[in-house]
């Protein structure tokens, strides 16, 4: 299990990276949401200032707006317009950063999946060896019993022998699986999807012992 133990450390590192990316994505989305709320407020302020400026002539005509107040309105409008531009640019920059984090997150996920694929191959070889060590003689007995139950003479040509070999391997697997993976009715019911298989392999890796120093 040494290879698996080494892989366990690699897997835990990759898993830690995935958790880091999840946190960064969450933080970045919150930052963008805060900026968008700030932008909405600034745009609302800008519209109000714009309305006041458009009505400035009337307000000045009736004496409710002085020249100094008008110039202050224009300064406020220019500052608010600049603020809207800066916030908008900050949002675009944050969205660019979010896209980069998403790309890194997807790359990390692909690396995890490739790692689990390699680990699953290692595990399948090791587990097959464990099964053979525990019940190799009985599997041979089962193979002989299945061949004898067919009552068929061995093939002579290479293609026929190949087909017979594949058929007996399939029969051995089916005979074993029917007894391991049964549902309540006793029928074969074991078709894990890819996600279930990855989760199971990850669980086996997590449960593996640490590498001895």
N, C-alpha and C. Protein backbone atom coordinates (compact mmCIF):
# COMPACT_ATOMS: atom_id res chain seq x y z
N UNK A 1 0.82 -1.21 0.00
CA UNK A 1 0.00 0.00 0.00
C UNK A 1 0.86 1.27 0.00
N UNK A 2 2.16 1.14 -0.22
CA UNK A 2 3.01 2.32 -0.15
C UNK A 2 2.61 3.37 -1.19
N UNK A 3 2.31 2.91 -2.43
CA UNK A 3 1.92 3.86 -3.46
C UNK A 3 0.66 4.61 -3.06
N UNK A 4 -0.27 3.87 -2.48
CA UNK A 4 -1.51 4.49 -2.05
C UNK A 4 -1.25 5.49 -0.93
N UNK A 5 -0.36 5.15 -0.02
CA UNK A 5 -0.05 6.07 1.07
C UNK A 5 0.57 7.37 0.53
N UNK A 6 1.45 7.24 -0.46
CA UNK A 6 2.01 8.45 -1.08
C UNK A 6 0.89 9.24 -1.75
N UNK A 7 0.00 8.53 -2.45
CA UNK A 7 -1.12 9.18 -3.11
C UNK A 7 -2.05 9.86 -2.11
N UNK A 8 -2.15 9.30 -0.91
CA UNK A 8 -3.02 9.90 0.08
C UNK A 8 -2.57 11.33 0.39
N UNK A 9 -1.29 11.51 0.55
CA UNK A 9 -0.78 12.86 0.82
C UNK A 9 -1.08 13.79 -0.36
N UNK A 10 -0.86 13.29 -1.58
CA UNK A 10 -1.14 14.10 -2.77
C UNK A 10 -2.63 14.45 -2.84
N UNK A 11 -3.48 13.46 -2.52
CA UNK A 11 -4.92 13.68 -2.57
C UNK A 11 -5.35 14.72 -1.54
N UNK A 12 -4.82 14.62 -0.33
CA UNK A 12 -5.17 15.57 0.71
C UNK A 12 -4.73 16.98 0.35
N UNK A 13 -3.57 17.08 -0.32
CA UNK A 13 -3.11 18.39 -0.78
C UNK A 13 -4.05 18.95 -1.84
N UNK A 14 -4.44 18.09 -2.80
CA UNK A 14 -5.37 18.52 -3.85
C UNK A 14 -6.72 18.89 -3.27
N UNK A 15 -7.17 18.12 -2.28
CA UNK A 15 -8.45 18.41 -1.63
C UNK A 15 -8.38 19.74 -0.90
N UNK A 16 -7.25 20.00 -0.22
CA UNK A 16 -7.07 21.28 0.46
C UNK A 16 -7.10 22.44 -0.52
N UNK A 17 -6.49 22.24 -1.70
CA UNK A 17 -6.52 23.28 -2.73
C UNK A 17 -7.95 23.55 -3.19
N UNK A 18 -8.73 22.47 -3.34
CA UNK A 18 -10.12 22.62 -3.77
C UNK A 18 -10.92 23.42 -2.75
N UNK A 19 -10.70 23.14 -1.48
CA UNK A 19 -11.40 23.89 -0.43
C UNK A 19 -10.99 25.36 -0.45
N UNK A 20 -9.71 25.61 -0.73
CA UNK A 20 -9.23 27.00 -0.84
C UNK A 20 -9.92 27.71 -1.98
N UNK A 21 -10.05 27.05 -3.14
CA UNK A 21 -10.71 27.67 -4.28
C UNK A 21 -12.19 27.91 -3.98
N UNK A 22 -12.84 26.98 -3.28
CA UNK A 22 -14.24 27.17 -2.91
C UNK A 22 -14.40 28.42 -2.06
N UNK A 23 -13.50 28.59 -1.11
CA UNK A 23 -13.55 29.77 -0.23
C UNK A 23 -13.31 31.05 -1.03
N UNK A 24 -12.32 31.02 -1.94
CA UNK A 24 -12.02 32.21 -2.73
C UNK A 24 -13.19 32.57 -3.65
N UNK A 25 -13.84 31.56 -4.23
CA UNK A 25 -15.00 31.84 -5.08
C UNK A 25 -16.11 32.50 -4.28
N UNK A 26 -16.35 31.97 -3.08
CA UNK A 26 -17.40 32.54 -2.22
C UNK A 26 -17.06 33.98 -1.84
N UNK A 27 -15.81 34.22 -1.44
CA UNK A 27 -15.40 35.57 -1.05
C UNK A 27 -15.51 36.54 -2.22
N UNK A 28 -15.07 36.09 -3.40
CA UNK A 28 -15.08 36.98 -4.57
C UNK A 28 -16.52 37.32 -4.97
N UNK A 29 -17.41 36.35 -4.91
CA UNK A 29 -18.82 36.63 -5.25
C UNK A 29 -19.42 37.62 -4.26
N UNK A 30 -19.08 37.49 -2.99
CA UNK A 30 -19.59 38.44 -2.00
C UNK A 30 -19.04 39.84 -2.26
N UNK A 31 -17.76 39.94 -2.60
CA UNK A 31 -17.16 41.24 -2.89
C UNK A 31 -17.83 41.90 -4.09
N UNK A 32 -18.13 41.10 -5.12
CA UNK A 32 -18.79 41.64 -6.31
C UNK A 32 -20.20 42.10 -5.96
N UNK A 33 -20.90 41.31 -5.15
CA UNK A 33 -22.27 41.68 -4.74
C UNK A 33 -22.27 43.00 -3.98
N UNK A 34 -21.29 43.19 -3.11
CA UNK A 34 -21.19 44.44 -2.35
C UNK A 34 -20.92 45.63 -3.28
N UNK A 35 -20.04 45.43 -4.25
CA UNK A 35 -19.74 46.50 -5.20
C UNK A 35 -20.96 46.83 -6.06
N UNK A 36 -21.69 45.80 -6.47
CA UNK A 36 -22.88 46.03 -7.30
C UNK A 36 -23.95 46.79 -6.51
N UNK A 37 -24.06 46.49 -5.20
CA UNK A 37 -25.01 47.24 -4.37
C UNK A 37 -24.56 48.70 -4.24
N UNK A 38 -23.25 48.89 -4.08
CA UNK A 38 -22.71 50.25 -4.00
C UNK A 38 -22.93 51.00 -5.30
N UNK A 39 -22.76 50.30 -6.43
CA UNK A 39 -22.97 50.92 -7.74
C UNK A 39 -24.43 51.33 -7.92
N UNK A 40 -25.34 50.48 -7.49
CA UNK A 40 -26.77 50.80 -7.61
C UNK A 40 -27.09 52.06 -6.83
N UNK A 41 -26.52 52.19 -5.62
CA UNK A 41 -26.75 53.39 -4.82
C UNK A 41 -26.16 54.63 -5.47
N UNK A 42 -24.96 54.49 -6.02
CA UNK A 42 -24.30 55.63 -6.66
C UNK A 42 -25.06 56.07 -7.90
N UNK A 43 -25.57 55.10 -8.67
CA UNK A 43 -26.35 55.44 -9.86
C UNK A 43 -27.64 56.16 -9.48
N UNK A 44 -28.24 55.73 -8.39
CA UNK A 44 -29.46 56.39 -7.93
C UNK A 44 -29.15 57.85 -7.51
N UNK A 45 -28.03 58.02 -6.79
CA UNK A 45 -27.63 59.39 -6.42
C UNK A 45 -27.36 60.23 -7.65
N UNK A 46 -26.74 59.64 -8.65
CA UNK A 46 -26.40 60.36 -9.88
C UNK A 46 -27.66 60.83 -10.60
N UNK A 47 -28.68 59.97 -10.63
CA UNK A 47 -29.94 60.34 -11.28
C UNK A 47 -30.61 61.51 -10.55
N UNK A 48 -30.55 61.47 -9.23
CA UNK A 48 -31.16 62.56 -8.46
C UNK A 48 -30.42 63.88 -8.72
N UNK A 49 -29.09 63.82 -8.74
CA UNK A 49 -28.31 65.02 -9.03
C UNK A 49 -28.58 65.53 -10.43
N UNK A 50 -28.71 64.60 -11.36
CA UNK A 50 -28.98 64.99 -12.75
C UNK A 50 -30.33 65.70 -12.86
N UNK A 51 -31.31 65.20 -12.12
CA UNK A 51 -32.63 65.84 -12.11
C UNK A 51 -32.58 67.24 -11.56
N UNK A 52 -31.80 67.40 -10.48
CA UNK A 52 -31.67 68.74 -9.89
C UNK A 52 -30.99 69.70 -10.86
N UNK A 53 -29.99 69.24 -11.57
CA UNK A 53 -29.28 70.11 -12.53
C UNK A 53 -30.20 70.48 -13.68
N UNK A 54 -31.01 69.53 -14.14
CA UNK A 54 -31.94 69.81 -15.24
C UNK A 54 -32.99 70.85 -14.83
N UNK A 55 -33.31 70.88 -13.54
CA UNK A 55 -34.30 71.86 -13.06
C UNK A 55 -33.65 73.12 -12.50
N UNK A 56 -32.32 73.24 -12.68
CA UNK A 56 -31.59 74.36 -12.07
C UNK A 56 -32.10 75.72 -12.54
N UNK A 57 -32.38 75.89 -13.83
CA UNK A 57 -32.84 77.17 -14.34
C UNK A 57 -34.11 77.63 -13.64
N UNK A 58 -35.07 76.72 -13.52
CA UNK A 58 -36.32 77.08 -12.85
C UNK A 58 -36.09 77.43 -11.38
N UNK A 59 -35.24 76.57 -10.70
CA UNK A 59 -34.98 76.78 -9.28
C UNK A 59 -34.26 78.13 -9.06
N UNK A 60 -33.35 78.47 -9.97
CA UNK A 60 -32.65 79.76 -9.85
C UNK A 60 -33.60 80.92 -10.15
N UNK A 61 -34.53 80.70 -11.09
CA UNK A 61 -35.47 81.77 -11.47
C UNK A 61 -36.39 82.14 -10.32
N UNK A 62 -36.75 81.18 -9.49
CA UNK A 62 -37.67 81.46 -8.38
C UNK A 62 -36.91 81.70 -7.08
N UNK A 63 -35.57 81.74 -7.17
CA UNK A 63 -34.77 82.10 -6.02
C UNK A 63 -34.50 80.99 -5.03
N UNK A 64 -34.74 79.74 -5.43
CA UNK A 64 -34.49 78.63 -4.51
C UNK A 64 -33.12 77.99 -4.71
N UNK A 65 -32.37 78.46 -5.70
CA UNK A 65 -31.04 77.91 -5.97
C UNK A 65 -30.10 79.06 -6.34
N UNK A 66 -29.01 79.17 -5.60
CA UNK A 66 -28.03 80.22 -5.89
C UNK A 66 -26.98 79.71 -6.87
N UNK A 67 -26.15 80.62 -7.37
CA UNK A 67 -25.07 80.24 -8.29
C UNK A 67 -24.07 79.33 -7.59
N UNK A 68 -23.77 79.63 -6.33
CA UNK A 68 -22.83 78.78 -5.58
C UNK A 68 -23.41 77.37 -5.39
N UNK A 69 -24.70 77.31 -5.10
CA UNK A 69 -25.34 75.99 -4.95
C UNK A 69 -25.36 75.23 -6.27
N UNK A 70 -25.56 75.94 -7.34
CA UNK A 70 -25.53 75.29 -8.66
C UNK A 70 -24.15 74.70 -8.94
N UNK A 71 -23.11 75.51 -8.67
CA UNK A 71 -21.74 75.00 -8.90
C UNK A 71 -21.44 73.81 -7.99
N UNK A 72 -21.96 73.82 -6.75
CA UNK A 72 -21.77 72.68 -5.85
C UNK A 72 -22.47 71.43 -6.40
N UNK A 73 -23.68 71.62 -6.97
CA UNK A 73 -24.38 70.50 -7.62
C UNK A 73 -23.54 69.90 -8.74
N UNK A 74 -22.95 70.76 -9.56
CA UNK A 74 -22.14 70.29 -10.67
C UNK A 74 -20.91 69.54 -10.17
N UNK A 75 -20.30 70.04 -9.09
CA UNK A 75 -19.13 69.33 -8.52
C UNK A 75 -19.55 67.96 -7.98
N UNK A 76 -20.68 67.94 -7.28
CA UNK A 76 -21.17 66.67 -6.74
C UNK A 76 -21.48 65.68 -7.87
N UNK A 77 -22.09 66.20 -8.93
CA UNK A 77 -22.43 65.35 -10.08
C UNK A 77 -21.16 64.76 -10.70
N UNK A 78 -20.14 65.61 -10.89
CA UNK A 78 -18.88 65.14 -11.49
C UNK A 78 -18.21 64.10 -10.60
N UNK A 79 -18.23 64.33 -9.28
CA UNK A 79 -17.63 63.37 -8.35
C UNK A 79 -18.39 62.05 -8.34
N UNK A 80 -19.73 62.15 -8.36
CA UNK A 80 -20.55 60.93 -8.35
C UNK A 80 -20.38 60.16 -9.65
N UNK A 81 -20.27 60.91 -10.77
CA UNK A 81 -20.06 60.26 -12.07
C UNK A 81 -18.72 59.52 -12.07
N UNK A 82 -17.71 60.16 -11.49
CA UNK A 82 -16.39 59.52 -11.39
C UNK A 82 -16.46 58.28 -10.50
N UNK A 83 -17.22 58.39 -9.40
CA UNK A 83 -17.38 57.24 -8.50
C UNK A 83 -18.05 56.07 -9.21
N UNK A 84 -19.09 56.36 -10.00
CA UNK A 84 -19.78 55.30 -10.75
C UNK A 84 -18.81 54.61 -11.71
N UNK A 85 -17.99 55.42 -12.38
CA UNK A 85 -17.02 54.85 -13.32
C UNK A 85 -16.02 53.95 -12.59
N UNK A 86 -15.50 54.43 -11.46
CA UNK A 86 -14.51 53.65 -10.71
C UNK A 86 -15.11 52.35 -10.18
N UNK A 87 -16.33 52.41 -9.65
CA UNK A 87 -16.97 51.20 -9.13
C UNK A 87 -17.21 50.22 -10.27
N UNK A 88 -17.68 50.73 -11.41
CA UNK A 88 -17.92 49.85 -12.57
C UNK A 88 -16.64 49.15 -13.01
N UNK A 89 -15.55 49.90 -13.04
CA UNK A 89 -14.27 49.32 -13.42
C UNK A 89 -13.81 48.29 -12.38
N UNK A 90 -14.05 48.59 -11.11
CA UNK A 90 -13.68 47.64 -10.05
C UNK A 90 -14.48 46.35 -10.18
N UNK A 91 -15.75 46.46 -10.54
CA UNK A 91 -16.59 45.26 -10.71
C UNK A 91 -16.06 44.41 -11.87
N UNK A 92 -15.71 45.06 -12.97
CA UNK A 92 -15.17 44.32 -14.11
C UNK A 92 -13.87 43.62 -13.75
N UNK A 93 -13.02 44.31 -12.98
CA UNK A 93 -11.76 43.69 -12.55
C UNK A 93 -12.03 42.50 -11.63
N UNK A 94 -13.00 42.65 -10.74
CA UNK A 94 -13.34 41.56 -9.82
C UNK A 94 -13.93 40.37 -10.59
N UNK A 95 -14.73 40.65 -11.60
CA UNK A 95 -15.29 39.57 -12.42
C UNK A 95 -14.19 38.85 -13.19
N UNK A 96 -13.18 39.61 -13.63
CA UNK A 96 -12.03 38.97 -14.29
C UNK A 96 -11.28 38.06 -13.32
N UNK A 97 -11.12 38.54 -12.08
CA UNK A 97 -10.47 37.72 -11.05
C UNK A 97 -11.29 36.48 -10.75
N UNK A 98 -12.63 36.64 -10.69
CA UNK A 98 -13.52 35.50 -10.45
C UNK A 98 -13.38 34.46 -11.55
N UNK A 99 -13.29 34.91 -12.78
CA UNK A 99 -13.12 33.98 -13.92
C UNK A 99 -11.82 33.20 -13.79
N UNK A 100 -10.75 33.87 -13.37
CA UNK A 100 -9.47 33.20 -13.19
C UNK A 100 -9.55 32.15 -12.08
N UNK A 101 -10.22 32.49 -10.98
CA UNK A 101 -10.37 31.53 -9.89
C UNK A 101 -11.19 30.34 -10.35
N UNK A 102 -12.25 30.59 -11.14
CA UNK A 102 -13.05 29.49 -11.69
C UNK A 102 -12.19 28.57 -12.55
N UNK A 103 -11.34 29.16 -13.40
CA UNK A 103 -10.48 28.35 -14.26
C UNK A 103 -9.52 27.50 -13.42
N UNK A 104 -8.93 28.12 -12.41
CA UNK A 104 -8.03 27.37 -11.52
C UNK A 104 -8.78 26.26 -10.79
N UNK A 105 -10.02 26.57 -10.39
CA UNK A 105 -10.84 25.58 -9.69
C UNK A 105 -11.15 24.40 -10.60
N UNK A 106 -11.50 24.69 -11.85
CA UNK A 106 -11.78 23.60 -12.80
C UNK A 106 -10.53 22.77 -13.07
N UNK A 107 -9.38 23.45 -13.20
CA UNK A 107 -8.12 22.73 -13.40
C UNK A 107 -7.84 21.81 -12.22
N UNK A 108 -8.05 22.34 -11.01
CA UNK A 108 -7.84 21.53 -9.81
C UNK A 108 -8.78 20.33 -9.79
N UNK A 109 -10.04 20.52 -10.20
CA UNK A 109 -10.99 19.41 -10.24
C UNK A 109 -10.54 18.36 -11.23
N UNK A 110 -10.08 18.79 -12.40
CA UNK A 110 -9.61 17.83 -13.40
C UNK A 110 -8.42 17.04 -12.86
N UNK A 111 -7.51 17.74 -12.17
CA UNK A 111 -6.35 17.06 -11.59
C UNK A 111 -6.78 16.05 -10.54
N UNK A 112 -7.77 16.42 -9.72
CA UNK A 112 -8.28 15.48 -8.73
C UNK A 112 -8.87 14.25 -9.39
N UNK A 113 -9.65 14.47 -10.45
CA UNK A 113 -10.29 13.34 -11.14
C UNK A 113 -9.24 12.43 -11.78
N UNK A 114 -8.21 13.04 -12.38
CA UNK A 114 -7.14 12.23 -12.96
C UNK A 114 -6.40 11.46 -11.87
N UNK A 115 -6.19 12.12 -10.74
CA UNK A 115 -5.52 11.46 -9.62
C UNK A 115 -6.36 10.28 -9.12
N UNK A 116 -7.67 10.49 -8.97
CA UNK A 116 -8.54 9.41 -8.51
C UNK A 116 -8.57 8.26 -9.53
N UNK A 117 -8.49 8.62 -10.81
CA UNK A 117 -8.47 7.59 -11.85
C UNK A 117 -7.23 6.72 -11.72
N UNK A 118 -6.07 7.36 -11.53
CA UNK A 118 -4.83 6.60 -11.35
C UNK A 118 -4.86 5.78 -10.06
N UNK A 119 -5.38 6.39 -9.00
CA UNK A 119 -5.46 5.68 -7.73
C UNK A 119 -6.40 4.49 -7.82
N UNK A 120 -7.50 4.66 -8.56
CA UNK A 120 -8.45 3.55 -8.73
C UNK A 120 -7.78 2.38 -9.44
N UNK A 121 -6.92 2.69 -10.42
CA UNK A 121 -6.19 1.61 -11.11
C UNK A 121 -5.25 0.91 -10.14
N UNK A 122 -4.52 1.69 -9.32
CA UNK A 122 -3.65 1.08 -8.31
C UNK A 122 -4.45 0.21 -7.35
N UNK A 123 -5.58 0.76 -6.90
CA UNK A 123 -6.41 0.04 -5.94
C UNK A 123 -6.97 -1.24 -6.54
N UNK A 124 -7.42 -1.17 -7.80
CA UNK A 124 -8.01 -2.36 -8.41
C UNK A 124 -6.99 -3.49 -8.49
N UNK A 125 -5.74 -3.15 -8.81
CA UNK A 125 -4.68 -4.17 -8.85
C UNK A 125 -4.42 -4.73 -7.46
N UNK A 126 -4.34 -3.85 -6.45
CA UNK A 126 -4.07 -4.29 -5.09
C UNK A 126 -5.22 -5.12 -4.53
N UNK A 127 -6.45 -4.67 -4.77
CA UNK A 127 -7.61 -5.38 -4.24
C UNK A 127 -7.80 -6.72 -4.92
N UNK A 128 -7.53 -6.76 -6.23
CA UNK A 128 -7.60 -8.05 -6.93
C UNK A 128 -6.58 -9.02 -6.34
N UNK A 129 -5.39 -8.50 -6.03
CA UNK A 129 -4.38 -9.35 -5.39
C UNK A 129 -4.83 -9.83 -4.02
N UNK A 130 -5.50 -8.95 -3.27
CA UNK A 130 -6.01 -9.35 -1.95
C UNK A 130 -7.05 -10.45 -2.07
N UNK A 131 -7.94 -10.31 -3.04
CA UNK A 131 -8.99 -11.32 -3.23
C UNK A 131 -8.38 -12.66 -3.62
N UNK A 132 -7.41 -12.61 -4.52
CA UNK A 132 -6.76 -13.86 -4.94
C UNK A 132 -6.02 -14.51 -3.78
N UNK A 133 -5.35 -13.69 -2.96
CA UNK A 133 -4.63 -14.23 -1.81
C UNK A 133 -5.58 -14.90 -0.83
N UNK A 134 -6.77 -14.36 -0.70
CA UNK A 134 -7.74 -14.92 0.25
C UNK A 134 -8.52 -16.09 -0.33
N UNK A 135 -8.81 -16.04 -1.64
CA UNK A 135 -9.70 -17.06 -2.20
C UNK A 135 -9.30 -17.50 -3.59
N UNK A 136 -8.01 -17.46 -3.90
CA UNK A 136 -7.55 -17.84 -5.23
C UNK A 136 -7.92 -19.27 -5.58
N UNK A 137 -7.73 -20.19 -4.63
CA UNK A 137 -8.05 -21.60 -4.91
C UNK A 137 -9.53 -21.78 -5.21
N UNK A 138 -10.37 -21.08 -4.45
CA UNK A 138 -11.81 -21.21 -4.67
C UNK A 138 -12.24 -20.60 -6.00
N UNK A 139 -11.56 -19.54 -6.42
CA UNK A 139 -11.89 -18.96 -7.72
C UNK A 139 -11.53 -19.93 -8.84
N UNK A 140 -10.40 -20.64 -8.68
CA UNK A 140 -10.04 -21.67 -9.66
C UNK A 140 -11.09 -22.78 -9.66
N UNK A 141 -11.51 -23.20 -8.45
CA UNK A 141 -12.56 -24.23 -8.37
C UNK A 141 -13.83 -23.76 -9.08
N UNK A 142 -14.17 -22.48 -8.87
CA UNK A 142 -15.36 -21.91 -9.51
C UNK A 142 -15.22 -21.93 -11.03
N UNK A 143 -14.03 -21.58 -11.53
CA UNK A 143 -13.81 -21.59 -12.97
C UNK A 143 -14.00 -22.98 -13.54
N UNK A 144 -13.42 -23.98 -12.88
CA UNK A 144 -13.59 -25.36 -13.34
C UNK A 144 -15.06 -25.79 -13.30
N UNK A 145 -15.76 -25.39 -12.24
CA UNK A 145 -17.16 -25.77 -12.11
C UNK A 145 -18.00 -25.14 -13.22
N UNK A 146 -17.71 -23.89 -13.54
CA UNK A 146 -18.47 -23.21 -14.59
C UNK A 146 -18.21 -23.84 -15.96
N UNK A 147 -16.94 -24.16 -16.23
CA UNK A 147 -16.62 -24.79 -17.51
C UNK A 147 -17.30 -26.16 -17.61
N UNK A 148 -17.22 -26.93 -16.52
CA UNK A 148 -17.82 -28.26 -16.52
C UNK A 148 -19.33 -28.19 -16.69
N UNK A 149 -19.94 -27.14 -16.13
CA UNK A 149 -21.40 -27.01 -16.22
C UNK A 149 -21.86 -26.72 -17.64
N UNK A 150 -20.95 -26.18 -18.49
CA UNK A 150 -21.30 -25.90 -19.87
C UNK A 150 -21.35 -27.17 -20.71
N UNK A 151 -20.57 -28.18 -20.31
CA UNK A 151 -20.53 -29.43 -21.05
C UNK A 151 -20.05 -29.27 -22.48
N UNK A 152 -19.07 -28.36 -22.66
CA UNK A 152 -18.60 -28.05 -24.01
C UNK A 152 -17.11 -28.32 -24.10
N UNK A 153 -16.69 -28.94 -25.18
CA UNK A 153 -15.27 -29.23 -25.39
C UNK A 153 -14.51 -27.94 -25.66
N UNK A 154 -13.21 -27.90 -25.29
CA UNK A 154 -12.43 -26.68 -25.52
C UNK A 154 -12.28 -26.37 -27.00
N UNK A 155 -12.17 -25.08 -27.31
CA UNK A 155 -12.00 -24.64 -28.68
C UNK A 155 -10.59 -24.95 -29.17
N UNK A 156 -10.45 -25.00 -30.48
CA UNK A 156 -9.14 -25.31 -31.06
C UNK A 156 -8.47 -24.09 -31.68
N UNK A 157 -9.24 -23.22 -32.27
CA UNK A 157 -8.64 -22.06 -32.92
C UNK A 157 -8.41 -20.95 -31.89
N UNK A 158 -7.45 -20.07 -32.21
CA UNK A 158 -7.13 -18.98 -31.29
C UNK A 158 -8.31 -18.05 -31.05
N UNK A 159 -9.02 -17.61 -32.09
CA UNK A 159 -10.19 -16.74 -31.84
C UNK A 159 -11.24 -17.42 -30.96
N UNK A 160 -11.46 -18.70 -31.19
CA UNK A 160 -12.46 -19.41 -30.38
C UNK A 160 -12.00 -19.53 -28.94
N UNK A 161 -10.71 -19.80 -28.73
CA UNK A 161 -10.19 -19.88 -27.36
C UNK A 161 -10.31 -18.52 -26.67
N UNK A 162 -10.06 -17.46 -27.43
CA UNK A 162 -10.20 -16.12 -26.87
C UNK A 162 -11.63 -15.85 -26.43
N UNK A 163 -12.59 -16.22 -27.27
CA UNK A 163 -14.00 -16.03 -26.92
C UNK A 163 -14.38 -16.86 -25.71
N UNK A 164 -13.89 -18.09 -25.65
CA UNK A 164 -14.20 -18.95 -24.50
C UNK A 164 -13.61 -18.37 -23.22
N UNK A 165 -12.38 -17.86 -23.33
CA UNK A 165 -11.73 -17.28 -22.16
C UNK A 165 -12.51 -16.07 -21.67
N UNK A 166 -12.92 -15.19 -22.57
CA UNK A 166 -13.69 -14.02 -22.18
C UNK A 166 -15.03 -14.42 -21.57
N UNK A 167 -15.64 -15.47 -22.13
CA UNK A 167 -16.94 -15.92 -21.61
C UNK A 167 -16.80 -16.46 -20.19
N UNK A 168 -15.75 -17.22 -19.92
CA UNK A 168 -15.59 -17.80 -18.58
C UNK A 168 -15.23 -16.72 -17.57
N UNK A 169 -14.41 -15.74 -18.00
CA UNK A 169 -14.10 -14.63 -17.10
C UNK A 169 -15.38 -13.87 -16.73
N UNK A 170 -16.21 -13.63 -17.74
CA UNK A 170 -17.47 -12.95 -17.50
C UNK A 170 -18.37 -13.75 -16.56
N UNK A 171 -18.39 -15.08 -16.77
CA UNK A 171 -19.23 -15.94 -15.94
C UNK A 171 -18.75 -15.95 -14.49
N UNK A 172 -17.42 -15.95 -14.29
CA UNK A 172 -16.87 -15.90 -12.93
C UNK A 172 -17.27 -14.59 -12.26
N UNK A 173 -17.09 -13.49 -12.97
CA UNK A 173 -17.46 -12.20 -12.40
C UNK A 173 -18.93 -12.12 -12.07
N UNK A 174 -19.78 -12.62 -12.95
CA UNK A 174 -21.22 -12.57 -12.70
C UNK A 174 -21.61 -13.45 -11.52
N UNK A 175 -21.00 -14.66 -11.44
CA UNK A 175 -21.31 -15.58 -10.34
C UNK A 175 -20.95 -14.96 -8.99
N UNK A 176 -19.81 -14.26 -8.94
CA UNK A 176 -19.38 -13.62 -7.68
C UNK A 176 -20.23 -12.39 -7.37
N UNK A 177 -20.44 -11.55 -8.38
CA UNK A 177 -21.17 -10.30 -8.14
C UNK A 177 -22.61 -10.55 -7.75
N UNK A 178 -23.22 -11.61 -8.28
CA UNK A 178 -24.60 -11.90 -7.92
C UNK A 178 -24.75 -12.21 -6.43
N UNK A 179 -23.66 -12.64 -5.82
CA UNK A 179 -23.72 -12.95 -4.39
C UNK A 179 -23.26 -11.79 -3.51
N UNK A 180 -22.53 -10.87 -4.11
CA UNK A 180 -22.03 -9.72 -3.34
C UNK A 180 -22.98 -8.53 -3.45
N UNK A 181 -23.48 -8.28 -4.66
CA UNK A 181 -24.29 -7.09 -4.91
C UNK A 181 -25.73 -7.46 -5.22
N UNK A 182 -26.46 -7.91 -4.23
CA UNK A 182 -27.86 -8.26 -4.41
C UNK A 182 -28.75 -7.20 -3.75
N UNK A 183 -29.90 -6.97 -4.36
CA UNK A 183 -30.88 -6.12 -3.70
C UNK A 183 -31.86 -6.97 -2.92
N UNK A 184 -32.95 -6.35 -2.45
CA UNK A 184 -33.88 -7.09 -1.59
C UNK A 184 -34.53 -8.26 -2.30
N UNK A 185 -34.67 -8.20 -3.61
CA UNK A 185 -35.32 -9.27 -4.35
C UNK A 185 -34.35 -10.38 -4.74
N UNK A 186 -33.06 -10.15 -4.44
CA UNK A 186 -32.07 -11.18 -4.77
C UNK A 186 -31.48 -11.02 -6.14
N UNK A 187 -31.90 -9.99 -6.92
CA UNK A 187 -31.33 -9.80 -8.25
C UNK A 187 -30.12 -8.88 -8.22
N UNK A 188 -29.30 -9.02 -9.25
CA UNK A 188 -28.08 -8.21 -9.34
C UNK A 188 -28.45 -6.74 -9.48
N UNK A 189 -27.90 -5.91 -8.61
CA UNK A 189 -28.26 -4.50 -8.62
C UNK A 189 -27.06 -3.68 -8.18
N UNK A 190 -26.06 -3.56 -9.07
CA UNK A 190 -24.87 -2.78 -8.73
C UNK A 190 -24.35 -2.09 -9.98
N UNK A 191 -24.78 -0.86 -10.18
CA UNK A 191 -24.28 -0.07 -11.29
C UNK A 191 -23.96 1.33 -10.75
N UNK A 192 -22.79 1.49 -10.10
CA UNK A 192 -22.46 2.81 -9.56
C UNK A 192 -22.17 3.79 -10.69
N UNK A 193 -22.61 5.04 -10.49
CA UNK A 193 -22.24 6.04 -11.49
C UNK A 193 -20.84 6.56 -11.18
N UNK A 194 -20.33 7.42 -12.05
CA UNK A 194 -18.95 7.88 -11.92
C UNK A 194 -18.74 8.65 -10.62
N UNK A 195 -19.72 9.47 -10.23
CA UNK A 195 -19.60 10.25 -9.01
C UNK A 195 -19.51 9.33 -7.79
N UNK A 196 -20.38 8.31 -7.74
CA UNK A 196 -20.35 7.37 -6.63
C UNK A 196 -19.01 6.65 -6.56
N UNK A 197 -18.51 6.26 -7.73
CA UNK A 197 -17.23 5.54 -7.76
C UNK A 197 -16.10 6.43 -7.27
N UNK A 198 -16.08 7.69 -7.70
CA UNK A 198 -15.03 8.61 -7.24
C UNK A 198 -15.12 8.83 -5.74
N UNK A 199 -16.33 8.98 -5.23
CA UNK A 199 -16.51 9.19 -3.80
C UNK A 199 -16.03 7.98 -3.01
N UNK A 200 -16.28 6.79 -3.54
CA UNK A 200 -15.86 5.57 -2.85
C UNK A 200 -14.34 5.45 -2.83
N UNK A 201 -13.71 5.74 -3.96
CA UNK A 201 -12.25 5.68 -4.03
C UNK A 201 -11.64 6.72 -3.10
N UNK A 202 -12.23 7.92 -3.09
CA UNK A 202 -11.73 8.97 -2.19
C UNK A 202 -11.83 8.52 -0.73
N UNK A 203 -12.93 7.83 -0.40
CA UNK A 203 -13.12 7.33 0.97
C UNK A 203 -12.05 6.29 1.31
N UNK A 204 -11.75 5.41 0.38
CA UNK A 204 -10.71 4.41 0.61
C UNK A 204 -9.35 5.08 0.82
N UNK A 205 -9.08 6.11 0.05
CA UNK A 205 -7.81 6.83 0.19
C UNK A 205 -7.74 7.50 1.56
N UNK A 206 -8.83 8.14 1.97
CA UNK A 206 -8.86 8.82 3.26
C UNK A 206 -8.65 7.83 4.41
N UNK A 207 -9.15 6.60 4.24
CA UNK A 207 -9.07 5.59 5.31
C UNK A 207 -7.74 4.85 5.31
N UNK A 208 -6.92 5.05 4.28
CA UNK A 208 -5.66 4.33 4.21
C UNK A 208 -4.70 4.84 5.28
N UNK A 209 -3.84 3.97 5.81
CA UNK A 209 -2.93 4.38 6.88
C UNK A 209 -1.85 5.33 6.35
N UNK A 210 -1.29 6.17 7.21
CA UNK A 210 -0.21 7.05 6.78
C UNK A 210 1.05 6.27 6.45
N UNK A 211 1.87 6.84 5.59
CA UNK A 211 3.12 6.19 5.18
C UNK A 211 4.07 6.13 6.37
N UNK A 212 4.62 4.95 6.63
CA UNK A 212 5.55 4.79 7.76
C UNK A 212 6.83 5.55 7.47
N UNK A 213 7.32 6.25 8.48
CA UNK A 213 8.55 7.03 8.31
C UNK A 213 9.77 6.15 8.45
